[in-house]
Protein backbone atom coordinates (compact mmCIF):
# COMPACT_ATOMS: atom_id res chain seq x y z
CA UNK A 1 -32.70 38.37 46.07
CA UNK A 2 -30.24 35.53 45.90
CA UNK A 3 -31.97 34.00 42.87
CA UNK A 4 -32.02 37.36 41.13
CA UNK A 5 -28.33 37.76 41.78
CA UNK A 6 -27.63 34.33 40.29
CA UNK A 7 -29.58 35.18 37.15
CA UNK A 8 -27.70 38.42 36.68
CA UNK A 9 -24.26 36.86 37.04
CA UNK A 10 -22.27 35.89 33.93
CA UNK A 11 -20.52 33.06 35.77
CA UNK A 12 -21.54 30.91 38.71
CA UNK A 13 -18.06 31.15 40.24
CA UNK A 14 -18.79 34.71 41.43
CA UNK A 15 -21.50 33.50 43.88
CA UNK A 16 -20.46 33.23 47.47
CA UNK A 17 -20.54 29.79 48.97
CA UNK A 18 -22.91 30.76 51.78
CA UNK A 19 -25.74 31.34 49.32
CA UNK A 20 -25.43 28.02 47.59
CA UNK A 21 -27.26 26.21 50.34
CA UNK A 22 -30.53 28.05 49.65
CA UNK A 23 -30.61 27.23 45.92
CA UNK A 24 -32.88 24.54 44.69
CA UNK A 25 -32.01 22.33 41.73
CA UNK A 26 -34.22 24.19 39.30
CA UNK A 27 -32.55 27.50 40.08
CA UNK A 28 -29.08 26.08 39.60
CA UNK A 29 -30.13 24.45 36.36
CA UNK A 30 -31.62 27.64 35.06
CA UNK A 31 -28.62 29.76 35.97
CA UNK A 32 -26.22 27.24 34.38
CA UNK A 33 -28.21 27.21 31.15
CA UNK A 34 -28.29 30.96 31.09
CA UNK A 35 -24.52 31.15 31.59
CA UNK A 36 -23.89 28.74 28.73
CA UNK A 37 -26.16 30.65 26.43
CA UNK A 38 -24.38 33.89 27.11
CA UNK A 39 -20.77 32.60 26.70
CA UNK A 40 -21.00 30.05 23.87
CA UNK A 41 -19.71 31.01 20.38
CA UNK A 42 -20.38 29.53 16.94
CA UNK A 43 -17.13 28.42 15.22
CA UNK A 44 -16.84 29.11 11.52
CA UNK A 45 -14.33 28.00 8.90
CA UNK A 46 -11.56 30.19 7.57
CA UNK A 47 -10.69 30.37 3.87
CA UNK A 48 -6.99 29.81 3.21
CA UNK A 49 -5.42 30.30 -0.21
CA UNK A 50 -3.12 27.40 -0.97
CA UNK A 51 -0.36 28.90 -3.11
CA UNK A 52 1.91 27.22 -5.59
CA UNK A 53 5.34 27.53 -4.02
CA UNK A 54 8.73 27.15 -5.63
CA UNK A 55 9.22 23.54 -6.75
CA UNK A 56 12.87 24.01 -7.63
CA UNK A 57 14.90 23.85 -10.83
CA UNK A 58 14.12 27.52 -11.50
CA UNK A 59 10.52 26.73 -12.47
CA UNK A 60 8.21 29.77 -12.43
CA UNK A 61 5.13 28.40 -14.18
CA UNK A 62 3.43 25.06 -14.73
CA UNK A 63 0.51 23.69 -16.72
CA UNK A 64 -2.41 22.14 -14.82
CA UNK A 65 -2.86 18.68 -16.36
CA UNK A 66 -5.35 17.01 -14.00
CA UNK A 67 -7.46 17.85 -10.95
CA UNK A 68 -7.93 15.10 -8.37
CA UNK A 69 -10.54 17.12 -6.44
CA UNK A 70 -13.44 19.43 -7.21
CA UNK A 71 -15.14 22.27 -5.37
CA UNK A 72 -16.93 21.01 -2.28
CA UNK A 73 -14.66 17.99 -1.74
CA UNK A 74 -13.08 17.37 1.64
CA UNK A 75 -9.32 16.92 1.73
CA UNK A 76 -6.78 15.93 4.35
CA UNK A 77 -3.09 16.58 4.64
CA UNK A 78 -1.00 14.78 2.00
CA UNK A 79 -4.07 14.17 -0.22
CA UNK A 80 -3.34 14.74 -3.90
CA UNK A 81 -4.87 17.95 -5.22
CA UNK A 82 -3.70 18.11 -8.81
CA UNK A 83 -0.99 17.15 -11.26
CA UNK A 84 0.97 19.87 -13.00
CA UNK A 85 3.60 19.75 -15.70
CA UNK A 86 6.60 22.02 -15.94
CA UNK A 87 9.12 22.20 -18.72
CA UNK A 88 11.11 19.53 -16.88
CA UNK A 89 8.71 17.02 -15.32
CA UNK A 90 5.25 16.18 -14.07
CA UNK A 91 4.60 17.03 -10.43
CA UNK A 92 1.81 16.11 -8.04
CA UNK A 93 0.64 18.81 -5.61
CA UNK A 94 -0.62 17.56 -2.26
CA UNK A 95 -2.63 19.38 0.39
CA UNK A 96 -1.11 20.91 3.47
CA UNK A 97 -4.44 21.38 5.23
CA UNK A 98 -7.50 19.47 6.36
CA UNK A 99 -10.58 21.17 5.03
CA UNK A 100 -13.05 21.68 2.18
CA UNK A 101 -12.16 22.86 -1.32
CA UNK A 102 -14.03 26.09 -2.02
CA UNK A 103 -12.45 27.29 -5.28
CA UNK A 104 -10.19 26.06 -8.05
CA UNK A 105 -8.23 28.96 -9.52
CA UNK A 106 -7.32 27.24 -12.79
CA UNK A 107 -8.94 25.08 -15.43
CA UNK A 108 -7.24 22.17 -17.16
CA UNK A 109 -4.32 23.12 -19.44
CA UNK A 110 -4.12 26.61 -17.97
CA UNK A 111 -0.82 28.10 -16.80
CA UNK A 112 -0.37 28.35 -13.02
CA UNK A 113 2.32 30.63 -11.62
CA UNK A 114 4.57 30.12 -8.61
CA UNK A 115 3.43 32.25 -5.69
CA UNK A 116 -0.15 32.55 -6.93
CA UNK A 117 -3.18 30.82 -5.31
CA UNK A 118 -3.90 27.35 -6.61
CA UNK A 119 -7.03 26.51 -4.59
CA UNK A 120 -9.03 27.99 -1.73
CA UNK A 121 -9.49 25.66 1.24
CA UNK A 122 -11.91 26.23 4.10
CA UNK A 123 -10.29 24.96 7.29
CA UNK A 124 -11.68 24.52 10.78
CA UNK A 125 -10.32 27.30 13.00
CA UNK A 126 -10.90 25.19 16.10
CA UNK A 127 -8.10 22.89 14.92
CA UNK A 128 -5.68 25.73 14.48
CA UNK A 129 -4.52 27.48 11.35
CA UNK A 130 -1.28 26.47 9.70
CA UNK A 131 1.41 28.94 8.82
CA UNK A 132 0.65 31.43 6.11
CA UNK A 133 3.67 30.21 4.15
CA UNK A 134 2.18 27.56 1.89
CA UNK A 135 4.43 24.69 0.94
CA UNK A 136 4.05 22.43 -2.07
CA UNK A 137 4.47 18.84 -0.97
CA UNK A 138 5.46 17.71 -4.44
CA UNK A 139 6.87 14.31 -5.13
CA UNK A 140 7.64 14.62 -8.82
CA UNK A 141 5.34 12.12 -10.39
CA UNK A 142 6.70 9.82 -12.11
CA UNK A 143 4.08 8.08 -10.28
CA UNK A 144 7.03 6.06 -9.14
CA UNK A 145 8.99 8.88 -7.59
CA UNK A 146 9.82 8.56 -3.89
CA UNK A 147 8.50 11.09 -1.38
CA UNK A 148 8.75 11.66 2.35
CA UNK A 149 5.60 12.22 4.33
CA UNK A 150 5.31 13.04 7.99
CA UNK A 151 2.44 11.17 9.58
CA UNK A 152 1.85 11.27 13.31
CA UNK A 153 5.38 12.33 14.13
CA UNK A 154 7.40 9.97 11.94
CA UNK A 155 8.41 10.08 8.30
CA UNK A 156 7.00 7.57 5.86
CA UNK A 157 8.58 6.94 2.48
CA UNK A 158 6.05 6.05 -0.21
CA UNK A 159 5.06 6.88 -3.76
CA UNK A 160 1.97 8.84 -4.82
CA UNK A 161 0.52 5.68 -6.35
CA UNK A 162 0.98 3.84 -3.06
CA UNK A 163 -0.56 6.74 -1.14
CA UNK A 164 -3.56 6.72 -3.41
CA UNK A 165 -3.98 2.95 -3.01
CA UNK A 166 -3.81 3.35 0.76
CA UNK A 167 -6.32 6.21 0.69
CA UNK A 168 -8.77 4.23 -1.45
CA UNK A 169 -8.69 1.40 1.07
CA UNK A 170 -8.75 3.68 4.16
CA UNK A 171 -5.31 2.51 5.28
CA UNK A 172 -3.05 4.71 7.37
CA UNK A 173 0.50 4.56 6.07
CA UNK A 174 1.82 4.94 9.60
CA UNK A 175 0.40 1.49 10.39
CA UNK A 176 2.06 -0.25 7.44
CA UNK A 177 5.56 -1.70 7.69
CA UNK A 178 7.62 -0.89 4.60
CA UNK A 179 9.84 -3.57 3.11
CA UNK A 180 11.53 -1.41 0.47
CA UNK A 181 14.80 0.44 0.65
CA UNK A 182 15.00 2.76 3.68
CA UNK A 183 11.71 1.21 4.92
CA UNK A 184 9.91 2.48 1.84
CA UNK A 185 6.28 1.34 1.64
CA UNK A 186 5.68 -0.60 -1.55
CA UNK A 187 2.47 -1.58 -3.30
CA UNK A 188 2.99 -5.15 -2.09
CA UNK A 189 3.11 -3.91 1.53
CA UNK A 190 -0.31 -2.28 1.13
CA UNK A 191 -1.75 -5.43 -0.46
CA UNK A 192 -0.27 -7.65 2.26
CA UNK A 193 -1.66 -5.36 4.96
CA UNK A 194 -5.03 -5.48 3.24
CA UNK A 195 -4.85 -9.27 3.06
CA UNK A 196 -4.22 -9.54 6.81
CA UNK A 197 -7.26 -7.38 7.48
CA UNK A 198 -9.57 -9.28 5.11
CA UNK A 199 -8.07 -12.74 5.30
CA UNK A 200 -7.35 -12.85 1.57
CA UNK A 201 -4.49 -14.92 0.20
CA UNK A 202 -2.23 -13.09 -2.20
CA UNK A 203 0.09 -14.72 -4.72
CA UNK A 204 3.79 -14.60 -3.87
CA UNK A 205 5.81 -11.69 -5.23
CA UNK A 206 7.62 -12.58 -8.44
CA UNK A 207 10.74 -10.80 -7.18
CA UNK A 208 11.34 -13.47 -4.58
CA UNK A 209 11.09 -16.35 -7.01
CA UNK A 210 14.19 -17.98 -8.45
CA UNK A 211 13.29 -19.22 -11.90
CA UNK A 212 15.48 -21.89 -13.46
CA UNK A 213 16.60 -21.38 -17.06
CA UNK A 214 14.41 -22.87 -19.73
CA UNK A 215 15.55 -25.87 -21.75
CA UNK A 216 17.63 -25.00 -24.76
CA UNK A 217 14.88 -25.76 -27.24
CA UNK A 218 12.53 -23.26 -25.58
CA UNK A 219 15.01 -20.40 -25.62
CA UNK A 220 15.18 -20.22 -29.39
CA UNK A 221 12.78 -17.49 -30.55
CA UNK A 222 11.14 -17.24 -33.90
CA UNK A 223 13.18 -15.97 -36.79
CA UNK A 224 13.18 -12.19 -36.82
CA UNK A 225 11.09 -10.58 -39.49
CA UNK A 226 12.79 -8.62 -42.22
CA UNK A 227 12.69 -5.03 -41.03
CA UNK A 228 13.46 -3.75 -44.51
CA UNK A 229 10.04 -4.87 -45.73
CA UNK A 230 8.17 -2.70 -43.26
CA UNK A 231 6.36 0.16 -44.92
CA UNK A 232 6.08 3.44 -42.97
CA UNK A 233 2.49 4.08 -41.93
CA UNK A 234 1.28 7.70 -41.77
CA UNK A 235 0.20 8.95 -38.37
CA UNK A 236 -3.56 8.54 -38.06
CA UNK A 237 -4.49 12.13 -37.30
CA UNK A 238 -7.36 14.05 -38.85
CA UNK A 239 -6.07 16.54 -41.39
CA UNK A 240 -7.92 19.84 -41.34
CA UNK A 241 -7.24 22.55 -43.93
CA UNK A 242 -8.48 25.78 -42.42
CA UNK A 243 -6.64 28.09 -44.79
CA UNK A 244 -5.45 30.21 -41.86
CA UNK A 245 -2.14 30.43 -40.02
CA UNK A 246 -2.14 29.03 -36.50
CA UNK A 247 -0.01 30.38 -33.66
CA UNK A 248 0.54 28.43 -30.45
CA UNK A 249 2.70 29.26 -27.42
CA UNK A 250 5.76 27.14 -26.74
CA UNK A 251 5.14 25.30 -23.47
CA UNK A 252 6.17 22.24 -21.51
CA UNK A 253 9.03 20.14 -22.81
CA UNK A 254 9.27 22.23 -25.98
CA UNK A 255 10.18 25.24 -23.89
CA UNK A 256 12.86 23.19 -22.14
CA UNK A 257 14.23 22.14 -25.53
CA UNK A 258 14.49 25.77 -26.64
CA UNK A 259 16.55 26.68 -23.58
CA UNK A 260 18.73 23.58 -23.63
CA UNK A 261 19.53 23.58 -27.33
CA UNK A 262 20.24 27.31 -27.35
CA UNK A 263 22.87 26.68 -24.68
CA UNK A 264 24.12 23.53 -26.43
CA UNK A 265 24.96 25.32 -29.66
CA UNK A 266 27.45 27.50 -27.78
CA UNK A 267 29.58 24.37 -27.32
CA UNK A 268 32.15 23.65 -30.05
CA UNK A 269 31.09 20.19 -31.23
CA UNK A 270 33.11 17.68 -33.15
CA UNK A 271 31.79 14.41 -34.55
CA UNK A 272 33.07 10.87 -34.93
CA UNK A 273 31.27 7.99 -36.68
CA UNK A 274 31.82 4.27 -36.94
CA UNK A 275 29.98 1.02 -37.57
CA UNK A 276 29.54 -1.89 -35.17
CA UNK A 277 29.00 -5.56 -36.01
CA UNK A 278 26.28 -6.73 -33.60
CA UNK A 279 25.96 -10.28 -34.96
CA UNK A 280 27.02 -11.94 -31.68
CA UNK A 281 25.01 -9.51 -29.57
CA UNK A 282 21.87 -10.22 -31.61
CA UNK A 283 22.30 -13.94 -30.93
CA UNK A 284 22.93 -13.33 -27.21
CA UNK A 285 19.83 -11.17 -26.86
CA UNK A 286 17.70 -13.82 -28.57
CA UNK A 287 18.82 -16.31 -25.93
CA UNK A 288 18.29 -13.97 -22.98
CA UNK A 289 15.06 -12.31 -24.07
CA UNK A 290 12.73 -15.19 -23.06
CA UNK A 291 14.36 -15.34 -19.61
CA UNK A 292 13.88 -11.61 -19.13
CA UNK A 293 10.23 -11.89 -20.20
CA UNK A 294 9.66 -14.54 -17.53
CA UNK A 295 10.94 -12.02 -14.99
CA UNK A 296 8.57 -9.41 -16.38
CA UNK A 297 11.17 -7.27 -18.15
CA UNK A 298 11.42 -6.46 -21.83
CA UNK A 299 15.05 -6.82 -22.92
CA UNK A 300 16.12 -4.58 -25.79
CA UNK A 301 19.60 -3.82 -27.12
CA UNK A 302 19.78 -0.53 -25.24
CA UNK A 303 20.76 -2.04 -21.83
CA UNK A 304 23.82 -3.59 -23.49
CA UNK A 305 24.70 -0.30 -25.17
CA UNK A 306 24.38 1.54 -21.86
CA UNK A 307 26.43 -0.96 -19.87
CA UNK A 308 29.16 -1.03 -22.51
CA UNK A 309 29.27 2.78 -22.40
CA UNK A 310 29.65 2.71 -18.62
CA UNK A 311 32.56 0.28 -18.87
CA UNK A 312 34.16 2.60 -21.39
CA UNK A 313 33.64 5.64 -19.17
CA UNK A 314 35.62 3.92 -16.42
CA UNK A 315 38.62 3.99 -18.76
CA UNK A 316 37.93 7.49 -20.15
CA UNK A 317 36.35 9.51 -17.30
CA UNK A 318 36.79 12.79 -19.18
CA UNK A 319 33.70 11.82 -21.20
CA UNK A 320 31.70 11.61 -17.96
CA UNK A 321 32.56 15.11 -16.80
CA UNK A 322 31.25 18.68 -16.89
CA UNK A 323 32.86 22.04 -17.57
CA UNK A 324 32.03 25.17 -15.60
CA UNK A 325 30.77 28.32 -17.29
CA UNK A 326 34.12 30.07 -17.10
CA UNK A 327 35.87 27.03 -18.61
CA UNK A 328 38.34 26.98 -15.73
CA UNK A 329 37.43 23.73 -13.97
CA UNK A 330 36.46 20.22 -15.02
CA UNK A 331 34.34 18.07 -12.67
CA UNK A 332 34.67 14.32 -13.10
CA UNK A 333 31.37 12.70 -12.14
CA UNK A 334 31.53 9.70 -9.83
CA UNK A 335 28.19 8.28 -10.98
CA UNK A 336 27.39 7.14 -14.50
CA UNK A 337 23.88 8.56 -14.94
CA UNK A 338 23.38 7.69 -18.57
CA UNK A 339 20.50 9.42 -20.30
CA UNK A 340 18.33 7.91 -23.02
CA UNK A 341 16.59 10.25 -25.46
CA UNK A 342 12.91 9.38 -25.85
CA UNK A 343 10.37 10.55 -28.40
CA UNK A 344 7.02 11.18 -26.68
CA UNK A 345 3.79 12.99 -27.48
CA UNK A 346 4.99 15.83 -25.23
CA UNK A 347 8.24 16.14 -27.20
CA UNK A 348 11.83 15.01 -26.73
CA UNK A 349 12.73 14.02 -23.18
CA UNK A 350 15.96 12.57 -21.82
CA UNK A 351 15.52 10.58 -18.58
CA UNK A 352 18.59 8.86 -17.22
CA UNK A 353 19.44 5.56 -15.58
CA UNK A 354 21.20 6.31 -12.32
CA UNK A 355 24.49 4.66 -11.22
CA UNK A 356 24.91 2.41 -14.22
CA UNK A 357 28.45 1.57 -13.06
CA UNK A 358 26.99 -0.62 -10.28
CA UNK A 359 23.97 -2.00 -12.19
CA UNK A 360 23.63 -5.27 -14.07
CA UNK A 361 22.28 -5.45 -17.60
CA UNK A 362 19.01 -6.83 -16.23
CA UNK A 363 18.68 -4.00 -13.69
CA UNK A 364 19.29 -1.45 -16.45
CA UNK A 365 16.60 -3.12 -18.58
CA UNK A 366 14.10 -3.01 -15.71
CA UNK A 367 14.82 0.68 -15.10
CA UNK A 368 14.46 1.45 -18.81
CA UNK A 369 11.07 -0.27 -18.81
CA UNK A 370 9.98 1.96 -15.94
CA UNK A 371 11.24 5.14 -17.59
CA UNK A 372 9.65 4.28 -20.93
CA UNK A 373 6.24 3.55 -19.41
CA UNK A 374 6.30 6.78 -17.41
CA UNK A 375 7.58 8.75 -20.39
CA UNK A 376 4.76 7.48 -22.58
CA UNK A 377 2.25 8.59 -19.93
CA UNK A 378 3.96 11.97 -19.44
CA UNK A 379 4.59 11.19 -15.78
CA UNK A 380 8.37 11.31 -15.46
CA UNK A 381 9.60 13.05 -12.35
CA UNK A 382 12.28 15.67 -11.92
CA UNK A 383 14.67 13.13 -10.42
CA UNK A 384 14.39 11.00 -13.57
CA UNK A 385 15.10 13.93 -15.88
CA UNK A 386 17.97 15.62 -14.06
CA UNK A 387 21.47 14.66 -13.02
CA UNK A 388 22.52 13.03 -16.30
CA UNK A 389 26.26 12.72 -17.05
CA UNK A 390 26.31 11.02 -20.49
CA UNK A 391 23.64 10.42 -23.14
CA UNK A 392 22.76 7.87 -25.81
CA UNK A 393 20.08 8.55 -28.42
CA UNK A 394 18.64 5.58 -30.30
CA UNK A 395 17.39 7.24 -33.47
CA UNK A 396 17.47 3.85 -35.15
CA UNK A 397 14.13 2.89 -33.62
CA UNK A 398 12.54 5.33 -36.07
CA UNK A 399 14.99 5.06 -38.94
CA UNK A 400 18.23 6.38 -40.29
CA UNK A 401 21.84 5.30 -39.97
CA UNK A 402 23.86 8.44 -39.18
CA UNK A 403 22.96 11.63 -37.41
CA UNK A 404 24.64 14.59 -35.75
CA UNK A 405 23.63 14.55 -32.08
CA UNK A 406 23.75 17.75 -30.03
CA UNK A 407 25.36 17.66 -26.59
CA UNK A 408 23.01 18.08 -23.64
CA UNK A 409 24.60 20.63 -21.26
CA UNK A 410 26.29 20.35 -18.80
CA UNK A 411 27.42 17.03 -20.30
CA UNK A 412 30.38 16.87 -22.67
CA UNK A 413 29.55 13.90 -24.93
CA UNK A 414 26.61 12.15 -26.57
CA UNK A 415 26.14 9.18 -28.88
CA UNK A 416 23.43 8.50 -31.47
CA UNK A 417 22.67 4.95 -32.60
CA UNK A 418 21.38 4.09 -36.05
CA UNK A 419 19.18 1.19 -37.07
CA UNK A 420 20.52 -2.36 -37.23
CA UNK A 421 20.83 -3.56 -40.83
CA UNK A 422 21.66 -6.92 -42.37
CA UNK A 423 24.59 -6.17 -44.68
CA UNK A 424 27.26 -8.26 -46.45
CA UNK A 425 30.72 -8.18 -44.91
CA UNK A 426 33.99 -10.11 -45.34
CA UNK A 427 35.50 -12.37 -42.71
CA UNK A 428 39.19 -13.01 -42.15
CA UNK A 429 39.28 -15.57 -44.98
CA UNK A 430 37.79 -13.18 -47.48
CA UNK A 431 34.42 -14.91 -47.43
CA UNK A 432 31.21 -12.93 -47.56
CA UNK A 433 28.85 -13.40 -44.63
CA UNK A 434 25.63 -11.80 -43.40
CA UNK A 435 26.32 -9.32 -40.61
CA UNK A 436 24.12 -7.25 -38.30
CA UNK A 437 25.55 -3.76 -38.72
CA UNK A 438 24.72 -0.66 -36.69
CA UNK A 439 26.19 2.80 -37.20
CA UNK A 440 27.03 5.10 -34.31
CA UNK A 441 27.63 8.86 -34.33
CA UNK A 442 29.43 10.59 -31.45
CA UNK A 443 29.56 14.28 -30.58
CA UNK A 444 31.95 15.68 -27.97
CA UNK A 445 32.90 19.02 -26.46
CA UNK A 446 36.09 19.93 -28.31
CA UNK A 447 37.17 22.31 -25.56
CA UNK A 448 38.21 19.45 -23.28
CA UNK A 449 37.94 16.30 -25.43
CA UNK A 450 40.19 15.59 -28.39
CA UNK A 451 39.43 13.34 -31.32
CA UNK A 452 41.88 10.61 -30.25
CA UNK A 453 40.15 10.19 -26.87
CA UNK A 454 36.75 9.96 -28.50
CA UNK A 455 38.01 7.40 -31.03
CA UNK A 456 39.63 5.21 -28.34
CA UNK A 457 36.45 5.27 -26.25
CA UNK A 458 34.37 4.35 -29.30
CA UNK A 459 36.70 1.47 -30.14
CA UNK A 460 36.46 0.09 -26.59
CA UNK A 461 32.66 0.44 -26.57
CA UNK A 462 32.53 -1.23 -29.97
CA UNK A 463 34.69 -4.16 -28.81
CA UNK A 464 32.37 -4.87 -25.88
CA UNK A 465 29.37 -5.05 -28.19
CA UNK A 466 31.05 -7.08 -30.92
CA UNK A 467 32.30 -9.57 -28.31
CA UNK A 468 29.65 -9.50 -25.55
CA UNK A 469 31.46 -12.19 -23.55
CA UNK A 470 34.38 -9.80 -23.06
CA UNK A 471 32.19 -7.63 -20.84
CA UNK A 472 32.22 -10.39 -18.24
CA UNK A 473 35.88 -9.67 -17.55
CA UNK A 474 35.15 -6.07 -16.52
CA UNK A 475 31.67 -6.31 -15.00
CA UNK A 476 31.53 -5.34 -11.33
């Protein structure tokens, strides 16, 4: 009777203690197995739709440019899922869940909408289900853009490229000590951590090296080639005559240009043009260019143009301001975030160099190199493309001497630089000499900037470039 009672019970805790003494081991084993069989449950995964949430800047739709995963792949939190491109920047979407990808809702180059499912992820219910409110962990990809991650209770600052490098080598970012600003984990930190684990010896970082200047004879570059002899080469694209009209939707950066330029033409522009003698600056750059190359930076004329503009903005802050929509208030910007217009395969983009007022010419050149490489790859982040306060457009890299630049709202001024030409000019003695001449065209918001202010700023900017040594007196 006692054994029968044990078999019929759903749990052994209901049996009175006085009966336990008469049970043999086989009976207890049988009853325990039967209890486990009756109460055990098979856990199954739950499908969660990972939605594309608001990524800011008023963006409602993006284009899927690349998938980093496919259906059936396992993902963890903070793993990259895909790269999307809005009309402002490229953005990397990372996973919020640990699980298995069951469905991709979009193909490459399709439009994904904010609030709609991006992927379906099967998660393990035994580990708990995250909140239904999906969040896009999106460091804007510049592939160099900084992003906060929360790993095991503490925040780690790293870039998507660094995260990917760590993931490929099975390294937990929480175990790596960052040496960058604000304890940011750099690529070198991952490599050093890897070296300690494997015993490899890595070369020293070039940033820590102090390189002496080269002898004078080595700093003289080859004579520049005559740019006037260059013949324009047609773009090597297959030409197809279909005989039919072709209609394409306006997307990406072109859509941003439509919005921006439509707003820009509401501003009453006025123009001002002048020419600048860059003979001394050309000589200075020739001397400094080999030193910059040793440090791994390509030195163009643009860093000098940008720094000279920043020094001029310190004297004329109205050019580094913005006007509200009601035209009642003017905001003078503390930072000189000077934008540089770039021609890319995706269209015209204007990233900006942040805080030029506290940067050296070399630091500006290094930042320009970074922006240009990311711009060419279509990987500039939102932080690189927003926050500009003043813009320079170097149309001279393609050709032309004068242009009429259009202000980029909410800025109030912009400059366009023509190509550098070797032209005859007269010196103080009336003698003809060969000069390196560049033309500049300025546009300003005539509602708050008058022509005299623009002319004085241009003259100051011009003086810095015609006498580069004079910038030393005002550099901070």
